[in-house]
Amino acid sequence: MVQHLQKLVQLPGRPAEAAPVVAKQLSDTILSSGMINLKELSLVSGKAAWMAYLDIYCYDADGALFDTALLSAVAAFSHCNCFSHFHQIL
């Protein structure tokens, strides 16, 4: 169990081995849920769009890693209003 946790939690340096898998699952889940309207990220149709990055740091990976990361992502994006604010300026 301790070796498994060491593979998930690494600071600082390279991401843990599980990071790309969890990142892909998060991306797929967020995009398929419709939580983010991709049309709202467009600045110029077909030419330029906002890109959203989300860094999640896990300090204790003792279970429910994906669930915790997803809840963190939902909380972060639900409080993000920079895209709509920028469109109001244009």
N, C-alpha and C. Protein backbone atom coordinates (compact mmCIF):
# COMPACT_ATOMS: atom_id res chain seq x y z
N MET A 1 0.83 -1.19 0.00
CA MET A 1 0.00 0.00 0.00
C MET A 1 0.87 1.25 0.00
N VAL A 2 1.93 1.28 0.78
CA VAL A 2 2.78 2.46 0.87
C VAL A 2 3.44 2.73 -0.48
N GLN A 3 3.90 1.69 -1.18
CA GLN A 3 4.51 1.89 -2.49
C GLN A 3 3.49 2.45 -3.48
N HIS A 4 2.26 1.97 -3.41
CA HIS A 4 1.21 2.47 -4.29
C HIS A 4 0.98 3.96 -4.04
N LEU A 5 0.94 4.38 -2.80
CA LEU A 5 0.73 5.80 -2.48
C LEU A 5 1.91 6.64 -2.94
N GLN A 6 3.12 6.10 -2.83
CA GLN A 6 4.28 6.86 -3.27
C GLN A 6 4.23 7.11 -4.77
N LYS A 7 3.64 6.19 -5.54
CA LYS A 7 3.51 6.39 -6.97
C LYS A 7 2.49 7.47 -7.30
N LEU A 8 1.49 7.66 -6.45
CA LEU A 8 0.45 8.66 -6.70
C LEU A 8 0.84 10.04 -6.19
N VAL A 9 1.54 10.11 -5.09
CA VAL A 9 1.86 11.39 -4.46
C VAL A 9 3.35 11.64 -4.58
N GLN A 10 3.72 12.62 -5.39
CA GLN A 10 5.10 12.99 -5.58
C GLN A 10 5.20 14.51 -5.60
N LEU A 11 6.01 15.06 -4.76
CA LEU A 11 6.27 16.50 -4.77
C LEU A 11 7.74 16.71 -4.49
N PRO A 12 8.38 17.61 -5.10
CA PRO A 12 8.11 18.21 -6.41
C PRO A 12 8.63 17.30 -7.51
N GLY A 13 8.56 17.75 -8.75
CA GLY A 13 9.13 17.00 -9.85
C GLY A 13 8.08 16.50 -10.82
N ARG A 14 8.40 15.37 -11.43
CA ARG A 14 7.51 14.78 -12.45
C ARG A 14 6.18 14.40 -11.86
N PRO A 15 5.14 14.45 -12.68
CA PRO A 15 3.84 13.98 -12.21
C PRO A 15 3.88 12.48 -11.90
N ALA A 16 3.03 12.05 -11.02
CA ALA A 16 2.94 10.64 -10.67
C ALA A 16 2.46 9.83 -11.88
N GLU A 17 2.69 8.54 -11.84
CA GLU A 17 2.30 7.67 -12.96
C GLU A 17 0.80 7.71 -13.22
N ALA A 18 0.01 7.89 -12.19
CA ALA A 18 -1.44 7.90 -12.34
C ALA A 18 -1.97 9.22 -12.88
N ALA A 19 -1.16 10.26 -12.90
CA ALA A 19 -1.62 11.59 -13.29
C ALA A 19 -2.22 11.65 -14.69
N PRO A 20 -1.58 11.11 -15.71
CA PRO A 20 -2.19 11.18 -17.05
C PRO A 20 -3.52 10.44 -17.14
N VAL A 21 -3.63 9.34 -16.43
CA VAL A 21 -4.88 8.56 -16.46
C VAL A 21 -6.00 9.34 -15.80
N VAL A 22 -5.73 9.91 -14.63
CA VAL A 22 -6.75 10.69 -13.92
C VAL A 22 -7.09 11.94 -14.73
N ALA A 23 -6.08 12.58 -15.34
CA ALA A 23 -6.32 13.78 -16.14
C ALA A 23 -7.23 13.47 -17.33
N LYS A 24 -6.99 12.36 -18.00
CA LYS A 24 -7.83 11.97 -19.14
C LYS A 24 -9.26 11.67 -18.70
N GLN A 25 -9.40 10.96 -17.57
CA GLN A 25 -10.74 10.67 -17.04
C GLN A 25 -11.47 11.96 -16.68
N LEU A 26 -10.76 12.90 -16.05
CA LEU A 26 -11.37 14.18 -15.69
C LEU A 26 -11.81 14.93 -16.94
N SER A 27 -10.93 15.01 -17.92
CA SER A 27 -11.25 15.72 -19.15
C SER A 27 -12.47 15.10 -19.84
N ASP A 28 -12.48 13.79 -19.97
CA ASP A 28 -13.61 13.11 -20.60
C ASP A 28 -14.91 13.36 -19.85
N THR A 29 -14.84 13.28 -18.53
CA THR A 29 -16.04 13.46 -17.70
C THR A 29 -16.56 14.89 -17.79
N ILE A 30 -15.67 15.86 -17.69
CA ILE A 30 -16.08 17.27 -17.73
C ILE A 30 -16.67 17.62 -19.10
N LEU A 31 -16.01 17.17 -20.17
CA LEU A 31 -16.51 17.48 -21.51
C LEU A 31 -17.83 16.79 -21.82
N SER A 32 -17.97 15.54 -21.41
CA SER A 32 -19.22 14.82 -21.71
C SER A 32 -20.39 15.28 -20.83
N SER A 33 -20.09 15.90 -19.70
CA SER A 33 -21.16 16.35 -18.80
C SER A 33 -21.84 17.62 -19.29
N GLY A 34 -21.17 18.37 -20.16
CA GLY A 34 -21.72 19.64 -20.61
C GLY A 34 -21.52 20.76 -19.61
N MET A 35 -20.71 20.52 -18.60
CA MET A 35 -20.45 21.52 -17.57
C MET A 35 -19.82 22.78 -18.18
N ILE A 36 -19.00 22.58 -19.20
CA ILE A 36 -18.37 23.70 -19.89
C ILE A 36 -18.93 23.75 -21.30
N ASN A 37 -19.50 24.89 -21.65
CA ASN A 37 -20.01 25.09 -23.00
C ASN A 37 -18.83 25.53 -23.87
N LEU A 38 -18.36 24.65 -24.73
CA LEU A 38 -17.18 24.96 -25.53
C LEU A 38 -17.39 26.16 -26.45
N LYS A 39 -18.62 26.44 -26.83
CA LYS A 39 -18.90 27.61 -27.67
C LYS A 39 -18.59 28.90 -26.91
N GLU A 40 -18.74 28.89 -25.60
CA GLU A 40 -18.44 30.08 -24.80
C GLU A 40 -16.95 30.37 -24.72
N LEU A 41 -16.12 29.38 -25.04
CA LEU A 41 -14.67 29.58 -25.01
C LEU A 41 -14.15 30.21 -26.30
N SER A 42 -15.00 30.31 -27.30
CA SER A 42 -14.60 30.84 -28.60
C SER A 42 -14.45 32.36 -28.54
N LEU A 43 -13.32 32.85 -29.02
CA LEU A 43 -13.10 34.30 -29.14
C LEU A 43 -13.42 34.76 -30.56
N VAL A 44 -12.87 34.05 -31.54
CA VAL A 44 -13.14 34.29 -32.95
C VAL A 44 -13.48 32.93 -33.54
N SER A 45 -14.67 32.79 -34.05
CA SER A 45 -15.16 31.50 -34.51
C SER A 45 -14.19 30.82 -35.48
N GLY A 46 -13.75 29.63 -35.11
CA GLY A 46 -12.86 28.84 -35.94
C GLY A 46 -11.41 29.27 -35.93
N LYS A 47 -11.09 30.33 -35.17
CA LYS A 47 -9.71 30.85 -35.20
C LYS A 47 -9.05 30.93 -33.83
N ALA A 48 -9.76 31.38 -32.83
CA ALA A 48 -9.15 31.58 -31.52
C ALA A 48 -10.14 31.26 -30.41
N ALA A 49 -9.64 30.65 -29.37
CA ALA A 49 -10.50 30.29 -28.24
C ALA A 49 -9.68 30.28 -26.96
N TRP A 50 -10.39 30.43 -25.85
CA TRP A 50 -9.77 30.30 -24.54
C TRP A 50 -9.36 28.85 -24.34
N MET A 51 -8.31 28.65 -23.57
CA MET A 51 -7.90 27.32 -23.15
C MET A 51 -7.91 27.31 -21.63
N ALA A 52 -8.53 26.33 -21.07
CA ALA A 52 -8.62 26.25 -19.61
C ALA A 52 -7.70 25.15 -19.10
N TYR A 53 -6.84 25.50 -18.18
CA TYR A 53 -5.96 24.54 -17.52
C TYR A 53 -6.35 24.45 -16.06
N LEU A 54 -6.24 23.28 -15.52
CA LEU A 54 -6.58 23.07 -14.11
C LEU A 54 -5.51 22.21 -13.48
N ASP A 55 -4.83 22.75 -12.49
CA ASP A 55 -3.83 21.98 -11.74
C ASP A 55 -4.45 21.52 -10.44
N ILE A 56 -4.37 20.23 -10.19
CA ILE A 56 -4.88 19.67 -8.94
C ILE A 56 -3.73 18.99 -8.24
N TYR A 57 -3.46 19.41 -7.02
CA TYR A 57 -2.39 18.82 -6.23
C TYR A 57 -2.99 17.91 -5.18
N CYS A 58 -2.56 16.68 -5.18
CA CYS A 58 -3.07 15.70 -4.24
C CYS A 58 -2.01 15.46 -3.16
N TYR A 59 -2.32 15.78 -1.94
CA TYR A 59 -1.37 15.61 -0.85
C TYR A 59 -1.54 14.28 -0.13
N ASP A 60 -2.68 13.65 -0.30
CA ASP A 60 -2.92 12.37 0.35
C ASP A 60 -3.81 11.54 -0.55
N ALA A 61 -3.25 10.50 -1.14
CA ALA A 61 -4.01 9.68 -2.08
C ALA A 61 -4.42 8.37 -1.44
N ASP A 62 -5.21 8.46 -0.41
CA ASP A 62 -5.62 7.26 0.32
C ASP A 62 -7.03 6.86 -0.09
N GLY A 63 -7.28 6.87 -1.39
CA GLY A 63 -8.59 6.47 -1.89
C GLY A 63 -9.37 7.63 -2.46
N ALA A 64 -10.28 7.34 -3.37
CA ALA A 64 -11.19 8.31 -3.97
C ALA A 64 -10.47 9.46 -4.66
N LEU A 65 -9.35 9.15 -5.30
CA LEU A 65 -8.56 10.18 -5.97
C LEU A 65 -9.36 10.86 -7.09
N PHE A 66 -9.99 10.08 -7.96
CA PHE A 66 -10.75 10.66 -9.06
C PHE A 66 -11.93 11.47 -8.56
N ASP A 67 -12.67 10.94 -7.58
CA ASP A 67 -13.84 11.66 -7.05
C ASP A 67 -13.44 13.00 -6.46
N THR A 68 -12.36 13.01 -5.71
CA THR A 68 -11.89 14.25 -5.09
C THR A 68 -11.42 15.24 -6.15
N ALA A 69 -10.69 14.76 -7.15
CA ALA A 69 -10.22 15.63 -8.22
C ALA A 69 -11.40 16.20 -9.02
N LEU A 70 -12.41 15.38 -9.27
CA LEU A 70 -13.59 15.85 -10.00
C LEU A 70 -14.35 16.92 -9.21
N LEU A 71 -14.53 16.70 -7.93
CA LEU A 71 -15.20 17.71 -7.09
C LEU A 71 -14.40 19.01 -7.08
N SER A 72 -13.08 18.91 -7.03
CA SER A 72 -12.24 20.11 -7.07
C SER A 72 -12.39 20.84 -8.39
N ALA A 73 -12.43 20.09 -9.48
CA ALA A 73 -12.58 20.70 -10.80
C ALA A 73 -13.94 21.38 -10.94
N VAL A 74 -14.98 20.73 -10.49
CA VAL A 74 -16.33 21.31 -10.55
C VAL A 74 -16.37 22.61 -9.74
N ALA A 75 -15.80 22.59 -8.54
CA ALA A 75 -15.77 23.79 -7.71
C ALA A 75 -14.99 24.92 -8.38
N ALA A 76 -13.86 24.59 -8.96
CA ALA A 76 -13.03 25.61 -9.61
C ALA A 76 -13.74 26.22 -10.81
N PHE A 77 -14.29 25.38 -11.68
CA PHE A 77 -14.93 25.90 -12.88
C PHE A 77 -16.27 26.58 -12.58
N SER A 78 -16.94 26.18 -11.52
CA SER A 78 -18.22 26.82 -11.21
C SER A 78 -18.03 28.23 -10.67
N HIS A 79 -16.84 28.53 -10.17
CA HIS A 79 -16.55 29.87 -9.66
C HIS A 79 -15.76 30.71 -10.64
N CYS A 80 -15.49 30.18 -11.80
CA CYS A 80 -14.71 30.90 -12.82
C CYS A 80 -15.67 31.68 -13.71
N ASN A 81 -15.53 32.99 -13.74
CA ASN A 81 -16.38 33.81 -14.59
C ASN A 81 -15.56 34.69 -15.53
N CYS A 82 -14.29 34.36 -15.71
CA CYS A 82 -13.44 35.21 -16.54
C CYS A 82 -13.83 35.16 -18.00
N PHE A 83 -14.36 34.05 -18.49
CA PHE A 83 -14.74 33.96 -19.90
C PHE A 83 -15.93 34.85 -20.21
N SER A 84 -16.96 34.79 -19.38
CA SER A 84 -18.14 35.62 -19.64
C SER A 84 -17.81 37.10 -19.46
N HIS A 85 -16.93 37.43 -18.52
CA HIS A 85 -16.53 38.82 -18.31
C HIS A 85 -15.81 39.35 -19.53
N PHE A 86 -14.95 38.54 -20.12
CA PHE A 86 -14.20 38.98 -21.30
C PHE A 86 -15.14 39.23 -22.48
N HIS A 87 -16.13 38.38 -22.66
CA HIS A 87 -17.08 38.55 -23.76
C HIS A 87 -17.87 39.84 -23.60
N GLN A 88 -18.13 40.26 -22.37
CA GLN A 88 -18.86 41.50 -22.14
C GLN A 88 -18.02 42.71 -22.57
N ILE A 89 -16.70 42.58 -22.43
CA ILE A 89 -15.80 43.68 -22.83
C ILE A 89 -15.79 43.81 -24.35
N LEU A 90 -15.78 42.64 -25.06
CA LEU A 90 -15.78 42.68 -26.53
C LEU A 90 -17.07 43.26 -27.01
